[in-house]
């Protein structure tokens, strides 16, 4: 089953470092705010759509243990 929303802990499980995972989430939130989703402008929002993360890292994100 593919996740629709991702937080930094999910990125950590896929091998990203703590600060790198948090930075990816921050960049995804910034892109979402630029697209008009003002909800993601809050500091306490930690879940972002998987598609936004895929856009930041440049690779389609799938929850798969085959990494």
PDB file of N, CA and C in Angstrom:
ATOM      1  N   UNK A   1       0.833  -1.183   0.000  1.00  0.00           N
ATOM      2  CA  UNK A   1       0.000   0.000   0.000  1.00  0.00           C
ATOM      3  C   UNK A   1       0.878   1.247   0.000  1.00  0.00           C
ATOM      4  N   UNK A   2       0.588   2.132  -0.864  1.00  0.00           N
ATOM      5  CA  UNK A   2       1.379   3.353  -0.989  1.00  0.00           C
ATOM      6  C   UNK A   2       0.791   4.449  -0.104  1.00  0.00           C
ATOM      7  N   UNK A   3       1.669   5.119   0.642  1.00  0.00           N
ATOM      8  CA  UNK A   3       1.221   6.202   1.510  1.00  0.00           C
ATOM      9  C   UNK A   3       0.935   7.446   0.691  1.00  0.00           C
ATOM     10  N   UNK A   4      -0.086   8.177   1.109  1.00  0.00           N
ATOM     11  CA  UNK A   4      -0.409   9.430   0.441  1.00  0.00           C
ATOM     12  C   UNK A   4       0.303  10.604   1.092  1.00  0.00           C
ATOM     13  N   UNK A   5       0.561  10.496   2.398  1.00  0.00           N
ATOM     14  CA  UNK A   5       1.231  11.555   3.134  1.00  0.00           C
ATOM     15  C   UNK A   5       2.474  11.006   3.815  1.00  0.00           C
ATOM     16  N   UNK A   6       3.493  11.849   3.899  1.00  0.00           N
ATOM     17  CA  UNK A   6       4.794  11.425   4.410  1.00  0.00           C
ATOM     18  C   UNK A   6       5.276  12.446   5.434  1.00  0.00           C
ATOM     19  N   UNK A   7       5.931  11.953   6.487  1.00  0.00           N
ATOM     20  CA  UNK A   7       6.587  12.855   7.425  1.00  0.00           C
ATOM     21  C   UNK A   7       8.085  12.532   7.438  1.00  0.00           C
ATOM     22  N   UNK A   8       8.828  13.266   8.247  1.00  0.00           N
ATOM     23  CA  UNK A   8      10.282  13.091   8.214  1.00  0.00           C
ATOM     24  C   UNK A   8      10.694  11.709   8.704  1.00  0.00           C
ATOM     25  N   UNK A   9       9.903  11.094   9.571  1.00  0.00           N
ATOM     26  CA  UNK A   9      10.239   9.752  10.060  1.00  0.00           C
ATOM     27  C   UNK A   9      10.198   8.720   8.937  1.00  0.00           C
ATOM     28  N   UNK A  10       9.266   8.890   8.013  1.00  0.00           N
ATOM     29  CA  UNK A  10       9.213   7.991   6.852  1.00  0.00           C
ATOM     30  C   UNK A  10      10.476   8.139   5.999  1.00  0.00           C
ATOM     31  N   UNK A  11      10.911   9.364   5.822  1.00  0.00           N
ATOM     32  CA  UNK A  11      12.131   9.599   5.041  1.00  0.00           C
ATOM     33  C   UNK A  11      13.349   9.030   5.755  1.00  0.00           C
ATOM     34  N   UNK A  12      13.356   9.103   7.086  1.00  0.00           N
ATOM     35  CA  UNK A  12      14.462   8.515   7.853  1.00  0.00           C
ATOM     36  C   UNK A  12      14.538   7.003   7.619  1.00  0.00           C
ATOM     37  N   UNK A  13      13.374   6.357   7.552  1.00  0.00           N
ATOM     38  CA  UNK A  13      13.340   4.911   7.320  1.00  0.00           C
ATOM     39  C   UNK A  13      13.910   4.538   5.959  1.00  0.00           C
ATOM     40  N   UNK A  14      13.880   5.481   5.033  1.00  0.00           N
ATOM     41  CA  UNK A  14      14.403   5.215   3.690  1.00  0.00           C
ATOM     42  C   UNK A  14      15.838   5.654   3.524  1.00  0.00           C
ATOM     43  N   UNK A  15      16.511   5.998   4.628  1.00  0.00           N
ATOM     44  CA  UNK A  15      17.936   6.241   4.571  1.00  0.00           C
ATOM     45  C   UNK A  15      18.388   7.682   4.577  1.00  0.00           C
ATOM     46  N   UNK A  16      17.470   8.633   4.608  1.00  0.00           N
ATOM     47  CA  UNK A  16      17.871  10.030   4.689  1.00  0.00           C
ATOM     48  C   UNK A  16      18.260  10.349   6.121  1.00  0.00           C
ATOM     49  N   UNK A  17      19.225  11.233   6.285  1.00  0.00           N
ATOM     50  CA  UNK A  17      19.616  11.670   7.620  1.00  0.00           C
ATOM     51  C   UNK A  17      18.539  12.533   8.235  1.00  0.00           C
ATOM     52  N   UNK A  18      18.642  12.771   9.535  1.00  0.00           N
ATOM     53  CA  UNK A  18      17.616  13.528  10.241  1.00  0.00           C
ATOM     54  C   UNK A  18      17.445  14.935   9.670  1.00  0.00           C
ATOM     55  N   UNK A  19      18.528  15.673   9.561  1.00  0.00           N
ATOM     56  CA  UNK A  19      18.405  17.053   9.067  1.00  0.00           C
ATOM     57  C   UNK A  19      18.019  17.091   7.595  1.00  0.00           C
ATOM     58  N   UNK A  20      18.487  16.133   6.824  1.00  0.00           N
ATOM     59  CA  UNK A  20      18.132  16.086   5.407  1.00  0.00           C
ATOM     60  C   UNK A  20      16.640  15.769   5.234  1.00  0.00           C
ATOM     61  N   UNK A  21      16.119  14.851   6.030  1.00  0.00           N
ATOM     62  CA  UNK A  21      14.701  14.512   5.961  1.00  0.00           C
ATOM     63  C   UNK A  21      13.840  15.710   6.337  1.00  0.00           C
ATOM     64  N   UNK A  22      14.247  16.414   7.376  1.00  0.00           N
ATOM     65  CA  UNK A  22      13.490  17.603   7.788  1.00  0.00           C
ATOM     66  C   UNK A  22      13.558  18.696   6.723  1.00  0.00           C
ATOM     67  N   UNK A  23      14.708  18.841   6.083  1.00  0.00           N
ATOM     68  CA  UNK A  23      14.863  19.842   5.025  1.00  0.00           C
ATOM     69  C   UNK A  23      13.969  19.510   3.823  1.00  0.00           C
ATOM     70  N   UNK A  24      13.871  18.240   3.480  1.00  0.00           N
ATOM     71  CA  UNK A  24      13.011  17.821   2.359  1.00  0.00           C
ATOM     72  C   UNK A  24      11.553  18.152   2.667  1.00  0.00           C
ATOM     73  N   UNK A  25      11.117  17.880   3.891  1.00  0.00           N
ATOM     74  CA  UNK A  25       9.741  18.204   4.288  1.00  0.00           C
ATOM     75  C   UNK A  25       9.517  19.712   4.223  1.00  0.00           C
ATOM     76  N   UNK A  26      10.496  20.480   4.699  1.00  0.00           N
ATOM     77  CA  UNK A  26      10.390  21.943   4.672  1.00  0.00           C
ATOM     78  C   UNK A  26      10.273  22.462   3.237  1.00  0.00           C
ATOM     79  N   UNK A  27      11.091  21.923   2.330  1.00  0.00           N
ATOM     80  CA  UNK A  27      11.031  22.352   0.929  1.00  0.00           C
ATOM     81  C   UNK A  27       9.715  21.953   0.275  1.00  0.00           C
ATOM     82  N   UNK A  28       9.216  20.782   0.607  1.00  0.00           N
ATOM     83  CA  UNK A  28       7.925  20.347   0.063  1.00  0.00           C
ATOM     84  C   UNK A  28       6.813  21.276   0.543  1.00  0.00           C
ATOM     85  N   UNK A  29       6.862  21.650   1.836  1.00  0.00           N
ATOM     86  CA  UNK A  29       5.865  22.575   2.365  1.00  0.00           C
ATOM     87  C   UNK A  29       5.955  23.931   1.669  1.00  0.00           C
ATOM     88  N   UNK A  30       7.167  24.394   1.428  1.00  0.00           N
ATOM     89  CA  UNK A  30       7.351  25.686   0.768  1.00  0.00           C
ATOM     90  C   UNK A  30       6.751  25.663  -0.638  1.00  0.00           C
ATOM     91  N   UNK A  31       6.982  24.574  -1.372  1.00  0.00           N
ATOM     92  CA  UNK A  31       6.419  24.462  -2.723  1.00  0.00           C
ATOM     93  C   UNK A  31       4.896  24.412  -2.690  1.00  0.00           C
ATOM     94  N   UNK A  32       4.338  23.731  -1.688  1.00  0.00           N
ATOM     95  CA  UNK A  32       2.882  23.659  -1.573  1.00  0.00           C
ATOM     96  C   UNK A  32       2.289  25.032  -1.265  1.00  0.00           C
ATOM     97  N   UNK A  33       2.953  25.815  -0.419  1.00  0.00           N
ATOM     98  CA  UNK A  33       2.477  27.164  -0.103  1.00  0.00           C
ATOM     99  C   UNK A  33       2.539  28.040  -1.357  1.00  0.00           C
ATOM    100  N   UNK A  34       3.599  27.893  -2.144  1.00  0.00           N
ATOM    101  CA  UNK A  34       3.722  28.665  -3.384  1.00  0.00           C
ATOM    102  C   UNK A  34       2.617  28.313  -4.371  1.00  0.00           C
ATOM    103  N   UNK A  35       2.121  27.084  -4.306  1.00  0.00           N
ATOM    104  CA  UNK A  35       1.040  26.649  -5.200  1.00  0.00           C
ATOM    105  C   UNK A  35      -0.337  27.065  -4.682  1.00  0.00           C
ATOM    106  N   UNK A  36      -0.382  27.689  -3.486  1.00  0.00           N
ATOM    107  CA  UNK A  36      -1.638  28.190  -2.972  1.00  0.00           C
ATOM    108  C   UNK A  36      -2.236  27.398  -1.822  1.00  0.00           C
ATOM    109  N   UNK A  37      -1.544  26.406  -1.324  1.00  0.00           N
ATOM    110  CA  UNK A  37      -2.032  25.624  -0.188  1.00  0.00           C
ATOM    111  C   UNK A  37      -1.512  26.240   1.103  1.00  0.00           C
ATOM    112  N   UNK A  38      -2.194  27.274   1.574  1.00  0.00           N
ATOM    113  CA  UNK A  38      -1.740  28.042   2.729  1.00  0.00           C
ATOM    114  C   UNK A  38      -1.709  27.226   4.018  1.00  0.00           C
ATOM    115  N   UNK A  39      -2.451  26.136   4.070  1.00  0.00           N
ATOM    116  CA  UNK A  39      -2.463  25.280   5.258  1.00  0.00           C
ATOM    117  C   UNK A  39      -1.053  24.823   5.628  1.00  0.00           C
ATOM    118  N   UNK A  40      -0.214  24.584   4.643  1.00  0.00           N
ATOM    119  CA  UNK A  40       1.135  24.076   4.884  1.00  0.00           C
ATOM    120  C   UNK A  40       2.109  25.148   5.350  1.00  0.00           C
ATOM    121  N   UNK A  41       1.632  26.361   5.551  1.00  0.00           N
ATOM    122  CA  UNK A  41       2.477  27.451   6.027  1.00  0.00           C
ATOM    123  C   UNK A  41       2.735  27.359   7.528  1.00  0.00           C
ATOM    124  N   UNK A  42       2.004  26.516   8.241  1.00  0.00           N
ATOM    125  CA  UNK A  42       2.150  26.390   9.688  1.00  0.00           C
ATOM    126  C   UNK A  42       3.387  25.596  10.073  1.00  0.00           C
ATOM    127  N   UNK A  43       3.995  25.986  11.190  1.00  0.00           N
ATOM    128  CA  UNK A  43       5.193  25.298  11.682  1.00  0.00           C
ATOM    129  C   UNK A  43       4.905  23.883  12.162  1.00  0.00           C
ATOM    130  N   UNK A  44       3.715  23.663  12.693  1.00  0.00           N
ATOM    131  CA  UNK A  44       3.394  22.394  13.311  1.00  0.00           C
ATOM    132  C   UNK A  44       2.926  21.332  12.312  1.00  0.00           C
ATOM    133  N   UNK A  45       2.782  21.697  11.073  1.00  0.00           N
ATOM    134  CA  UNK A  45       2.349  20.744  10.050  1.00  0.00           C
ATOM    135  C   UNK A  45       3.562  19.932   9.607  1.00  0.00           C
ATOM    136  N   UNK A  46       3.510  18.627   9.833  1.00  0.00           N
ATOM    137  CA  UNK A  46       4.651  17.779   9.514  1.00  0.00           C
ATOM    138  C   UNK A  46       4.383  16.749   8.434  1.00  0.00           C
ATOM    139  N   UNK A  47       3.131  16.569   8.056  1.00  0.00           N
ATOM    140  CA  UNK A  47       2.782  15.629   6.994  1.00  0.00           C
ATOM    141  C   UNK A  47       2.591  16.377   5.692  1.00  0.00           C
ATOM    142  N   UNK A  48       3.193  15.875   4.644  1.00  0.00           N
ATOM    143  CA  UNK A  48       3.029  16.471   3.322  1.00  0.00           C
ATOM    144  C   UNK A  48       2.679  15.362   2.335  1.00  0.00           C
ATOM    145  N   UNK A  49       2.028  15.716   1.230  1.00  0.00           N
ATOM    146  CA  UNK A  49       1.701  14.698   0.231  1.00  0.00           C
ATOM    147  C   UNK A  49       2.963  14.056  -0.355  1.00  0.00           C
ATOM    148  N   UNK A  50       2.886  12.770  -0.618  1.00  0.00           N
ATOM    149  CA  UNK A  50       4.025  12.037  -1.184  1.00  0.00           C
ATOM    150  C   UNK A  50       4.439  12.629  -2.524  1.00  0.00           C
ATOM    151  N   UNK A  51       3.492  13.151  -3.281  1.00  0.00           N
ATOM    152  CA  UNK A  51       3.812  13.752  -4.577  1.00  0.00           C
ATOM    153  C   UNK A  51       4.695  14.989  -4.413  1.00  0.00           C
ATOM    154  N   UNK A  52       4.480  15.742  -3.331  1.00  0.00           N
ATOM    155  CA  UNK A  52       5.303  16.929  -3.079  1.00  0.00           C
ATOM    156  C   UNK A  52       6.731  16.521  -2.734  1.00  0.00           C
ATOM    157  N   UNK A  53       6.875  15.431  -1.978  1.00  0.00           N
ATOM    158  CA  UNK A  53       8.210  14.932  -1.644  1.00  0.00           C
ATOM    159  C   UNK A  53       8.900  14.426  -2.904  1.00  0.00           C
ATOM    160  N   UNK A  54       8.170  13.725  -3.756  1.00  0.00           N
ATOM    161  CA  UNK A  54       8.739  13.221  -5.006  1.00  0.00           C
ATOM    162  C   UNK A  54       9.218  14.371  -5.886  1.00  0.00           C
ATOM    163  N   UNK A  55       8.499  15.473  -5.863  1.00  0.00           N
ATOM    164  CA  UNK A  55       8.892  16.646  -6.642  1.00  0.00           C
ATOM    165  C   UNK A  55      10.196  17.241  -6.119  1.00  0.00           C
ATOM    166  N   UNK A  56      10.376  17.227  -4.813  1.00  0.00           N
ATOM    167  CA  UNK A  56      11.590  17.794  -4.202  1.00  0.00           C
ATOM    168  C   UNK A  56      12.797  16.903  -4.462  1.00  0.00           C
ATOM    169  N   UNK A  57      12.655  15.594  -4.244  1.00  0.00           N
ATOM    170  CA  UNK A  57      13.812  14.710  -4.386  1.00  0.00           C
ATOM    171  C   UNK A  57      14.031  14.260  -5.827  1.00  0.00           C
ATOM    172  N   UNK A  58      13.035  14.448  -6.676  1.00  0.00           N
ATOM    173  CA  UNK A  58      13.204  14.125  -8.093  1.00  0.00           C
ATOM    174  C   UNK A  58      13.040  12.660  -8.433  1.00  0.00           C
ATOM    175  N   UNK A  59      12.523  11.882  -7.497  1.00  0.00           N
ATOM    176  CA  UNK A  59      12.325  10.450  -7.711  1.00  0.00           C
ATOM    177  C   UNK A  59      10.929  10.099  -7.218  1.00  0.00           C
ATOM    178  N   UNK A  60      10.174   9.320  -7.976  1.00  0.00           N
ATOM    179  CA  UNK A  60       8.857   8.903  -7.478  1.00  0.00           C
ATOM    180  C   UNK A  60       8.998   8.165  -6.153  1.00  0.00           C
ATOM    181  N   UNK A  61       8.215   8.557  -5.186  1.00  0.00           N
ATOM    182  CA  UNK A  61       8.325   7.980  -3.847  1.00  0.00           C
ATOM    183  C   UNK A  61       7.288   6.893  -3.673  1.00  0.00           C
ATOM    184  N   UNK A  62       7.749   5.690  -3.397  1.00  0.00           N
ATOM    185  CA  UNK A  62       6.853   4.584  -3.107  1.00  0.00           C
ATOM    186  C   UNK A  62       7.299   3.937  -1.825  1.00  0.00           C
ATOM    187  N   UNK A  63       6.342   3.585  -1.000  1.00  0.00           N
ATOM    188  CA  UNK A  63       6.689   2.869   0.233  1.00  0.00           C
ATOM    189  C   UNK A  63       6.868   1.408  -0.142  1.00  0.00           C
ATOM    190  N   UNK A  64       8.100   1.024  -0.214  1.00  0.00           N
ATOM    191  CA  UNK A  64       8.439  -0.306  -0.681  1.00  0.00           C
ATOM    192  C   UNK A  64       9.710  -0.710   0.052  1.00  0.00           C
ATOM    193  N   UNK A  65       9.769  -1.904   0.553  1.00  0.00           N
ATOM    194  CA  UNK A  65      10.945  -2.335   1.306  1.00  0.00           C
ATOM    195  C   UNK A  65      12.071  -2.827   0.417  1.00  0.00           C
ATOM    196  N   UNK A  66      11.983  -2.581  -0.884  1.00  0.00           N
ATOM    197  CA  UNK A  66      13.002  -3.072  -1.802  1.00  0.00           C
ATOM    198  C   UNK A  66      14.205  -2.144  -1.932  1.00  0.00           C
ATOM    199  N   UNK A  67      14.276  -1.101  -1.117  1.00  0.00           N
ATOM    200  CA  UNK A  67      15.413  -0.174  -1.170  1.00  0.00           C
ATOM    201  C   UNK A  67      16.676  -0.873  -0.806  1.00  0.00           C
TER     202      UNK A  67
END
